Amino acid sequence: MYQSSSLTRPARAAALPSAPSPSAALPSGVVRHSVLENVAGIVIGALVASFGLALIGGAGAVTGGTAGLVLLLTQVLPLPFAVIFTLVNAPFVVLGLTRKGPRFVATSFAAVVLLSVFSLIHPHFIDTASIDPLYAVLGGSLAGGIGVLIVFRHHASLGGFNIVALVCQDRFGWRVGHVLLIADTAVVALSALTSPLSTVLTSAAGAAVLNLVLVMNHRPGRYPAAL
């Protein structure tokens, strides 16, 4: 009995499957993006997302995730959005490096820097003071969701909670949009400390729009070329 039991334990251990690599999970015939396509996609995604944030911030509302948290911090800290956004994202680099790899961290860092730079440019070209707040929040959230989606599709992120959501999707199969919706809800709830109820409700509607884009369009197995 002792010999039989001891022999079965290694057999069971050997039968456990190892974690598949991203390349092994790709179906046959999937065409990856070229380097030029990835560069263009990250630039465009960061630009579109930053435009959405400019509309939301100009309306005095907040969005969810790290960007929303940074918008809240800009109300209490005498620093520009670009500086705070970069500082807040720094702790998430370690998580991205250990779970997603150096390439992902490098492309995400580039996307974060681009978004920060674009956020400094938009105020010189658009005047958000005359835009209806509800229109600015919903339109900005839609643009933000599209921008984040484009960045995701080119093996990058906008840092912060984006990295957490992607790691949760890889490890547990949770949809990115669902994870980010939880984080966004927490950030919007925090905005109640400094914003009137109408602004909080408008921000919540915007967060729902942004994450609806991700829930519908970025889910496990739907876009293997982004791996």
C-alpha atoms as a PDB file:
ATOM      1  CA  MET A   1       0.000   0.000   0.000  1.00  0.00           C
ATOM      2  CA  TYR A   2       2.808   2.416   0.906  1.00  0.00           C
ATOM      3  CA  GLN A   3       4.632   1.857  -2.380  1.00  0.00           C
ATOM      4  CA  SER A   4       1.465   2.195  -4.428  1.00  0.00           C
ATOM      5  CA  SER A   5       0.503   5.424  -2.667  1.00  0.00           C
ATOM      6  CA  SER A   6       3.950   6.971  -3.066  1.00  0.00           C
ATOM      7  CA  LEU A   7       4.049   6.154  -6.760  1.00  0.00           C
ATOM      8  CA  THR A   8       0.707   7.764  -7.472  1.00  0.00           C
ATOM      9  CA  ARG A   9       1.666  11.152  -6.037  1.00  0.00           C
ATOM     10  CA  PRO A  10       4.337  11.978  -8.692  1.00  0.00           C
ATOM     11  CA  ALA A  11       1.987  10.755 -11.388  1.00  0.00           C
ATOM     12  CA  ARG A  12      -0.696  13.154 -10.228  1.00  0.00           C
ATOM     13  CA  ALA A  13       1.789  16.016 -10.056  1.00  0.00           C
ATOM     14  CA  ALA A  14       3.019  15.260 -13.568  1.00  0.00           C
ATOM     15  CA  ALA A  15      -0.532  15.318 -14.867  1.00  0.00           C
ATOM     16  CA  LEU A  16      -1.091  18.908 -13.760  1.00  0.00           C
ATOM     17  CA  PRO A  17      -0.971  21.189 -16.835  1.00  0.00           C
ATOM     18  CA  SER A  18       1.490  24.049 -16.901  1.00  0.00           C
ATOM     19  CA  ALA A  19       0.352  27.592 -17.638  1.00  0.00           C
ATOM     20  CA  PRO A  20       0.258  28.128 -21.407  1.00  0.00           C
ATOM     21  CA  SER A  21       2.301  30.911 -22.885  1.00  0.00           C
ATOM     22  CA  PRO A  22       0.457  33.694 -24.761  1.00  0.00           C
ATOM     23  CA  SER A  23       1.850  32.534 -28.084  1.00  0.00           C
ATOM     24  CA  ALA A  24       0.691  28.962 -27.463  1.00  0.00           C
ATOM     25  CA  ALA A  25      -2.841  30.189 -26.808  1.00  0.00           C
ATOM     26  CA  LEU A  26      -3.120  31.875 -30.194  1.00  0.00           C
ATOM     27  CA  PRO A  27      -5.330  30.038 -32.710  1.00  0.00           C
ATOM     28  CA  SER A  28      -3.813  29.211 -36.064  1.00  0.00           C
ATOM     29  CA  GLY A  29      -4.144  31.934 -38.663  1.00  0.00           C
ATOM     30  CA  VAL A  30      -4.126  34.833 -36.188  1.00  0.00           C
ATOM     31  CA  VAL A  31      -2.120  37.766 -37.542  1.00  0.00           C
ATOM     32  CA  ARG A  32      -0.299  39.887 -34.993  1.00  0.00           C
ATOM     33  CA  HIS A  33      -0.020  43.654 -35.299  1.00  0.00           C
ATOM     34  CA  SER A  34       3.176  44.973 -36.841  1.00  0.00           C
ATOM     35  CA  VAL A  35       5.461  47.259 -34.848  1.00  0.00           C
ATOM     36  CA  LEU A  36       4.240  50.265 -36.834  1.00  0.00           C
ATOM     37  CA  GLU A  37       0.603  49.333 -36.188  1.00  0.00           C
ATOM     38  CA  ASN A  38       1.286  49.001 -32.465  1.00  0.00           C
ATOM     39  CA  VAL A  39       3.020  52.374 -32.312  1.00  0.00           C
ATOM     40  CA  ALA A  40       0.229  54.082 -34.235  1.00  0.00           C
ATOM     41  CA  GLY A  41      -2.433  52.342 -32.155  1.00  0.00           C
ATOM     42  CA  ILE A  42      -0.903  53.410 -28.840  1.00  0.00           C
ATOM     43  CA  VAL A  43      -0.499  57.015 -30.000  1.00  0.00           C
ATOM     44  CA  ILE A  44      -4.068  57.189 -31.304  1.00  0.00           C
ATOM     45  CA  GLY A  45      -5.512  55.445 -28.252  1.00  0.00           C
ATOM     46  CA  ALA A  46      -3.710  57.785 -25.845  1.00  0.00           C
ATOM     47  CA  LEU A  47      -4.838  60.804 -27.867  1.00  0.00           C
ATOM     48  CA  VAL A  48      -8.492  59.747 -27.919  1.00  0.00           C
ATOM     49  CA  ALA A  49      -8.457  58.869 -24.213  1.00  0.00           C
ATOM     50  CA  SER A  50      -6.827  62.165 -23.272  1.00  0.00           C
ATOM     51  CA  PHE A  51      -9.428  64.059 -25.303  1.00  0.00           C
ATOM     52  CA  GLY A  52     -12.172  62.284 -23.375  1.00  0.00           C
ATOM     53  CA  LEU A  53     -10.506  63.163 -20.072  1.00  0.00           C
ATOM     54  CA  ALA A  54     -10.227  66.793 -21.168  1.00  0.00           C
ATOM     55  CA  LEU A  55     -13.993  66.930 -21.737  1.00  0.00           C
ATOM     56  CA  ILE A  56     -14.740  65.251 -18.404  1.00  0.00           C
ATOM     57  CA  GLY A  57     -12.324  67.426 -16.463  1.00  0.00           C
ATOM     58  CA  GLY A  58     -13.578  70.578 -18.178  1.00  0.00           C
ATOM     59  CA  ALA A  59     -17.109  69.755 -17.044  1.00  0.00           C
ATOM     60  CA  GLY A  60     -15.914  69.564 -13.445  1.00  0.00           C
ATOM     61  CA  ALA A  61     -16.797  65.877 -13.232  1.00  0.00           C
ATOM     62  CA  VAL A  62     -14.638  62.859 -12.568  1.00  0.00           C
ATOM     63  CA  THR A  63     -14.141  59.591 -14.341  1.00  0.00           C
ATOM     64  CA  GLY A  64     -13.240  56.255 -12.821  1.00  0.00           C
ATOM     65  CA  GLY A  65      -9.997  54.401 -12.441  1.00  0.00           C
ATOM     66  CA  THR A  66      -6.604  55.993 -12.027  1.00  0.00           C
ATOM     67  CA  ALA A  67      -7.463  58.942 -14.253  1.00  0.00           C
ATOM     68  CA  GLY A  68     -10.504  59.739 -12.125  1.00  0.00           C
ATOM     69  CA  LEU A  69      -8.435  59.477  -8.970  1.00  0.00           C
ATOM     70  CA  VAL A  70      -5.908  61.889 -10.470  1.00  0.00           C
ATOM     71  CA  LEU A  71      -8.666  64.345 -11.418  1.00  0.00           C
ATOM     72  CA  LEU A  72      -9.757  64.296  -7.778  1.00  0.00           C
ATOM     73  CA  LEU A  73      -6.197  64.891  -6.612  1.00  0.00           C
ATOM     74  CA  THR A  74      -5.808  67.877  -8.940  1.00  0.00           C
ATOM     75  CA  GLN A  75      -8.538  69.578  -6.898  1.00  0.00           C
ATOM     76  CA  VAL A  76      -6.473  69.397  -3.701  1.00  0.00           C
ATOM     77  CA  LEU A  77      -2.860  69.353  -4.942  1.00  0.00           C
ATOM     78  CA  PRO A  78      -1.107  72.303  -6.647  1.00  0.00           C
ATOM     79  CA  LEU A  79       0.281  70.105  -9.413  1.00  0.00           C
ATOM     80  CA  PRO A  80      -0.751  69.666 -13.065  1.00  0.00           C
ATOM     81  CA  PHE A  81      -2.627  66.563 -14.191  1.00  0.00           C
ATOM     82  CA  ALA A  82       0.371  65.214 -16.118  1.00  0.00           C
ATOM     83  CA  VAL A  83       2.651  65.213 -13.059  1.00  0.00           C
ATOM     84  CA  ILE A  84       0.127  63.608 -10.697  1.00  0.00           C
ATOM     85  CA  PHE A  85      -0.915  61.037 -13.298  1.00  0.00           C
ATOM     86  CA  THR A  86       2.684  59.894 -13.771  1.00  0.00           C
ATOM     87  CA  LEU A  87       3.374  59.702 -10.020  1.00  0.00           C
ATOM     88  CA  VAL A  88       0.204  57.742  -9.221  1.00  0.00           C
ATOM     89  CA  ASN A  89       0.978  55.191 -11.919  1.00  0.00           C
ATOM     90  CA  ALA A  90       4.511  54.488 -10.683  1.00  0.00           C
ATOM     91  CA  PRO A  91       3.581  51.804  -8.067  1.00  0.00           C
ATOM     92  CA  PHE A  92       1.693  49.757 -10.653  1.00  0.00           C
ATOM     93  CA  VAL A  93       4.833  49.281 -12.743  1.00  0.00           C
ATOM     94  CA  VAL A  94       6.021  46.462 -10.465  1.00  0.00           C
ATOM     95  CA  LEU A  95       2.755  44.549 -10.893  1.00  0.00           C
ATOM     96  CA  GLY A  96       2.899  44.941 -14.661  1.00  0.00           C
ATOM     97  CA  LEU A  97       6.534  43.856 -14.796  1.00  0.00           C
ATOM     98  CA  THR A  98       6.003  40.684 -12.751  1.00  0.00           C
ATOM     99  CA  ARG A  99       2.685  39.631 -14.309  1.00  0.00           C
ATOM    100  CA  LYS A 100       2.720  41.002 -17.869  1.00  0.00           C
ATOM    101  CA  GLY A 101       6.407  41.322 -18.733  1.00  0.00           C
ATOM    102  CA  PRO A 102       8.851  44.101 -19.672  1.00  0.00           C
ATOM    103  CA  ARG A 103       7.373  44.679 -23.137  1.00  0.00           C
ATOM    104  CA  PHE A 104       3.959  45.407 -21.663  1.00  0.00           C
ATOM    105  CA  VAL A 105       5.475  47.759 -19.068  1.00  0.00           C
ATOM    106  CA  ALA A 106       7.440  49.622 -21.748  1.00  0.00           C
ATOM    107  CA  THR A 107       4.430  50.111 -24.029  1.00  0.00           C
ATOM    108  CA  SER A 108       2.214  51.072 -21.084  1.00  0.00           C
ATOM    109  CA  PHE A 109       4.771  53.613 -19.895  1.00  0.00           C
ATOM    110  CA  ALA A 110       4.855  55.112 -23.378  1.00  0.00           C
ATOM    111  CA  ALA A 111       1.048  55.284 -23.435  1.00  0.00           C
ATOM    112  CA  VAL A 112       0.936  56.982 -20.008  1.00  0.00           C
ATOM    113  CA  VAL A 113       3.538  59.551 -21.049  1.00  0.00           C
ATOM    114  CA  LEU A 114       1.658  60.257 -24.283  1.00  0.00           C
ATOM    115  CA  LEU A 115      -1.630  60.698 -22.432  1.00  0.00           C
ATOM    116  CA  SER A 116       0.064  63.075 -19.995  1.00  0.00           C
ATOM    117  CA  VAL A 117       1.564  65.130 -22.825  1.00  0.00           C
ATOM    118  CA  PHE A 118      -1.684  65.254 -24.774  1.00  0.00           C
ATOM    119  CA  SER A 119      -3.528  66.380 -21.636  1.00  0.00           C
ATOM    120  CA  LEU A 120      -1.310  69.477 -21.610  1.00  0.00           C
ATOM    121  CA  ILE A 121      -2.089  70.258 -25.256  1.00  0.00           C
ATOM    122  CA  HIS A 122      -5.894  70.002 -25.351  1.00  0.00           C
ATOM    123  CA  PRO A 123      -6.649  73.087 -23.201  1.00  0.00           C
ATOM    124  CA  HIS A 124      -4.913  75.263 -25.807  1.00  0.00           C
ATOM    125  CA  PHE A 125      -7.277  74.127 -28.566  1.00  0.00           C
ATOM    126  CA  ILE A 126     -10.660  73.402 -26.964  1.00  0.00           C
ATOM    127  CA  ASP A 127     -12.801  75.483 -24.626  1.00  0.00           C
ATOM    128  CA  THR A 128     -14.841  73.209 -22.390  1.00  0.00           C
ATOM    129  CA  ALA A 129     -16.422  76.040 -20.402  1.00  0.00           C
ATOM    130  CA  SER A 130     -19.318  76.386 -22.846  1.00  0.00           C
ATOM    131  CA  ILE A 131     -20.047  72.652 -23.253  1.00  0.00           C
ATOM    132  CA  ASP A 132     -23.096  71.187 -21.543  1.00  0.00           C
ATOM    133  CA  PRO A 133     -21.745  69.171 -18.564  1.00  0.00           C
ATOM    134  CA  LEU A 134     -23.853  66.059 -19.213  1.00  0.00           C
ATOM    135  CA  TYR A 135     -22.860  66.017 -22.885  1.00  0.00           C
ATOM    136  CA  ALA A 136     -19.187  66.540 -21.954  1.00  0.00           C
ATOM    137  CA  VAL A 137     -19.199  63.708 -19.405  1.00  0.00           C
ATOM    138  CA  LEU A 138     -21.035  61.161 -21.556  1.00  0.00           C
ATOM    139  CA  GLY A 139     -19.151  62.078 -24.732  1.00  0.00           C
ATOM    140  CA  GLY A 140     -15.843  62.233 -22.898  1.00  0.00           C
ATOM    141  CA  SER A 141     -16.468  58.865 -21.244  1.00  0.00           C
ATOM    142  CA  LEU A 142     -17.308  57.295 -24.595  1.00  0.00           C
ATOM    143  CA  ALA A 143     -14.105  58.699 -26.087  1.00  0.00           C
ATOM    144  CA  GLY A 144     -12.164  57.540 -23.036  1.00  0.00           C
ATOM    145  CA  GLY A 145     -13.518  54.005 -23.347  1.00  0.00           C
ATOM    146  CA  ILE A 146     -12.653  53.876 -27.042  1.00  0.00           C
ATOM    147  CA  GLY A 147      -9.152  55.189 -26.347  1.00  0.00           C
ATOM    148  CA  VAL A 148      -8.509  52.628 -23.601  1.00  0.00           C
ATOM    149  CA  LEU A 149      -9.835  49.854 -25.856  1.00  0.00           C
ATOM    150  CA  ILE A 150      -7.455  50.837 -28.659  1.00  0.00           C
ATOM    151  CA  VAL A 151      -4.503  50.860 -26.257  1.00  0.00           C
ATOM    152  CA  PHE A 152      -5.489  47.426 -24.880  1.00  0.00           C
ATOM    153  CA  ARG A 153      -5.655  46.007 -28.390  1.00  0.00           C
ATOM    154  CA  HIS A 154      -2.009  46.920 -28.936  1.00  0.00           C
ATOM    155  CA  HIS A 155      -0.595  45.122 -25.884  1.00  0.00           C
ATOM    156  CA  ALA A 156      -0.442  48.159 -23.636  1.00  0.00           C
ATOM    157  CA  SER A 157      -2.471  49.964 -20.991  1.00  0.00           C
ATOM    158  CA  LEU A 158      -2.875  53.392 -19.463  1.00  0.00           C
ATOM    159  CA  GLY A 159      -1.363  52.121 -16.237  1.00  0.00           C
ATOM    160  CA  GLY A 160      -2.884  52.035 -12.788  1.00  0.00           C
ATOM    161  CA  PHE A 161      -6.130  50.108 -12.460  1.00  0.00           C
ATOM    162  CA  ASN A 162      -5.864  49.132 -16.136  1.00  0.00           C
ATOM    163  CA  ILE A 163      -2.950  46.862 -15.225  1.00  0.00           C
ATOM    164  CA  VAL A 164      -4.845  45.336 -12.302  1.00  0.00           C
ATOM    165  CA  ALA A 165      -7.857  44.629 -14.537  1.00  0.00           C
ATOM    166  CA  LEU A 166      -5.742  43.009 -17.271  1.00  0.00           C
ATOM    167  CA  VAL A 167      -3.931  40.827 -14.736  1.00  0.00           C
ATOM    168  CA  CYS A 168      -7.266  39.721 -13.261  1.00  0.00           C
ATOM    169  CA  GLN A 169      -8.514  38.864 -16.754  1.00  0.00           C
ATOM    170  CA  ASP A 170      -5.394  36.815 -17.504  1.00  0.00           C
ATOM    171  CA  ARG A 171      -5.383  34.926 -14.198  1.00  0.00           C
ATOM    172  CA  PHE A 172      -9.060  34.546 -13.355  1.00  0.00           C
ATOM    173  CA  GLY A 173     -10.917  35.187 -16.617  1.00  0.00           C
ATOM    174  CA  TRP A 174     -12.693  38.234 -15.185  1.00  0.00           C
ATOM    175  CA  ARG A 175     -13.666  40.757 -17.826  1.00  0.00           C
ATOM    176  CA  VAL A 176     -11.627  43.938 -17.800  1.00  0.00           C
ATOM    177  CA  GLY A 177     -14.755  46.083 -17.936  1.00  0.00           C
ATOM    178  CA  HIS A 178     -16.227  44.442 -14.842  1.00  0.00           C
ATOM    179  CA  VAL A 179     -13.046  44.864 -12.789  1.00  0.00           C
ATOM    180  CA  LEU A 180     -12.662  48.484 -13.840  1.00  0.00           C
ATOM    181  CA  LEU A 181     -16.316  49.167 -13.089  1.00  0.00           C
ATOM    182  CA  ILE A 182     -15.697  48.182  -9.452  1.00  0.00           C
ATOM    183  CA  ALA A 183     -12.663  50.472  -9.264  1.00  0.00           C
ATOM    184  CA  ASP A 184     -14.553  53.266 -11.002  1.00  0.00           C
ATOM    185  CA  THR A 185     -17.446  52.967  -8.573  1.00  0.00           C
ATOM    186  CA  ALA A 186     -15.045  53.412  -5.658  1.00  0.00           C
ATOM    187  CA  VAL A 187     -13.446  56.492  -7.219  1.00  0.00           C
ATOM    188  CA  VAL A 188     -16.796  58.077  -8.081  1.00  0.00           C
ATOM    189  CA  ALA A 189     -17.966  57.405  -4.525  1.00  0.00           C
ATOM    190  CA  LEU A 190     -14.895  59.258  -3.244  1.00  0.00           C
ATOM    191  CA  SER A 191     -15.831  62.210  -5.428  1.00  0.00           C
ATOM    192  CA  ALA A 192     -18.881  62.674  -3.193  1.00  0.00           C
ATOM    193  CA  LEU A 193     -16.502  64.107  -0.582  1.00  0.00           C
ATOM    194  CA  THR A 194     -15.703  67.127  -2.752  1.00  0.00           C
ATOM    195  CA  SER A 195     -18.472  67.293  -5.375  1.00  0.00           C
ATOM    196  CA  PRO A 196     -22.230  67.949  -5.310  1.00  0.00           C
ATOM    197  CA  LEU A 197     -24.637  65.054  -5.760  1.00  0.00           C
ATOM    198  CA  SER A 198     -25.494  66.065  -9.340  1.00  0.00           C
ATOM    199  CA  THR A 199     -21.822  65.847 -10.317  1.00  0.00           C
ATOM    200  CA  VAL A 200     -21.447  62.466  -8.642  1.00  0.00           C
ATOM    201  CA  LEU A 201     -24.481  61.067 -10.478  1.00  0.00           C
ATOM    202  CA  THR A 202     -23.268  62.456 -13.800  1.00  0.00           C
ATOM    203  CA  SER A 203     -19.814  60.975 -13.176  1.00  0.00           C
ATOM    204  CA  ALA A 204     -21.361  57.598 -12.348  1.00  0.00           C
ATOM    205  CA  ALA A 205     -23.232  57.636 -15.659  1.00  0.00           C
ATOM    206  CA  GLY A 206     -19.997  58.441 -17.458  1.00  0.00           C
ATOM    207  CA  ALA A 207     -18.148  55.592 -15.737  1.00  0.00           C
ATOM    208  CA  ALA A 208     -20.904  53.206 -16.804  1.00  0.00           C
ATOM    209  CA  VAL A 209     -20.601  54.343 -20.440  1.00  0.00           C
ATOM    210  CA  LEU A 210     -16.803  53.993 -20.444  1.00  0.00           C
ATOM    211  CA  ASN A 211     -16.847  50.474 -19.022  1.00  0.00           C
ATOM    212  CA  LEU A 212     -19.709  49.374 -21.253  1.00  0.00           C
ATOM    213  CA  VAL A 213     -17.366  49.915 -24.197  1.00  0.00           C
ATOM    214  CA  LEU A 214     -14.794  47.610 -22.590  1.00  0.00           C
ATOM    215  CA  VAL A 215     -17.296  44.973 -21.440  1.00  0.00           C
ATOM    216  CA  MET A 216     -18.678  44.606 -24.958  1.00  0.00           C
ATOM    217  CA  ASN A 217     -15.411  44.785 -26.871  1.00  0.00           C
ATOM    218  CA  HIS A 218     -12.545  43.439 -24.737  1.00  0.00           C
ATOM    219  CA  ARG A 219     -13.092  40.027 -23.214  1.00  0.00           C
ATOM    220  CA  PRO A 220     -11.045  36.791 -22.958  1.00  0.00           C
ATOM    221  CA  GLY A 221     -10.661  35.033 -26.288  1.00  0.00           C
ATOM    222  CA  ARG A 222     -12.285  37.758 -28.390  1.00  0.00           C
ATOM    223  CA  TYR A 223      -9.154  39.426 -29.723  1.00  0.00           C
ATOM    224  CA  PRO A 224      -6.156  37.035 -29.574  1.00  0.00           C
ATOM    225  CA  ALA A 225      -3.982  39.276 -31.745  1.00  0.00           C
ATOM    226  CA  ALA A 226      -3.701  41.654 -28.785  1.00  0.00           C
ATOM    227  CA  LEU A 227      -1.753  39.072 -26.758  1.00  0.00           C
END
